[in-house]
Amino acid sequence: MNLDKSKKRIAKRAKMGFQGFPTISLTYYGKTTSHANEVMIEFVLEEGADTQVERFSSKIDAREDEVIQSAIVKMIERSEAKTVVQIDGVLIAA
């Protein structure tokens, strides 16, 4: 899937706000706030359920990695997530 198309689909779902469960949360991490070399995806099936975590790493910026962004879209679709939360910016990895 095209990188721009993937990013737009994720952003559109994130702008919808809370729509119920299941939920997927996306958090980008990096050594600096300008370069994300890792993305953490958290999936919650229902309220009170355990969180399932998946991480992807990239040598380039994970936000610009077509493979990672396409995989995120597929995870959203396959899990039938009603809510997508995308944390703005890049958090500094400890």
Foldseek 3Di string as FASTA:
>chain_A
DDLVVLLVVLVVQQVVADPFDFEKEWAFADQDQVAGQKIKIWTDGHPPGDIDIDMDGHPGRLSRDSVNSVVVVVVCVVSVGNHYHYDPIYHYDD
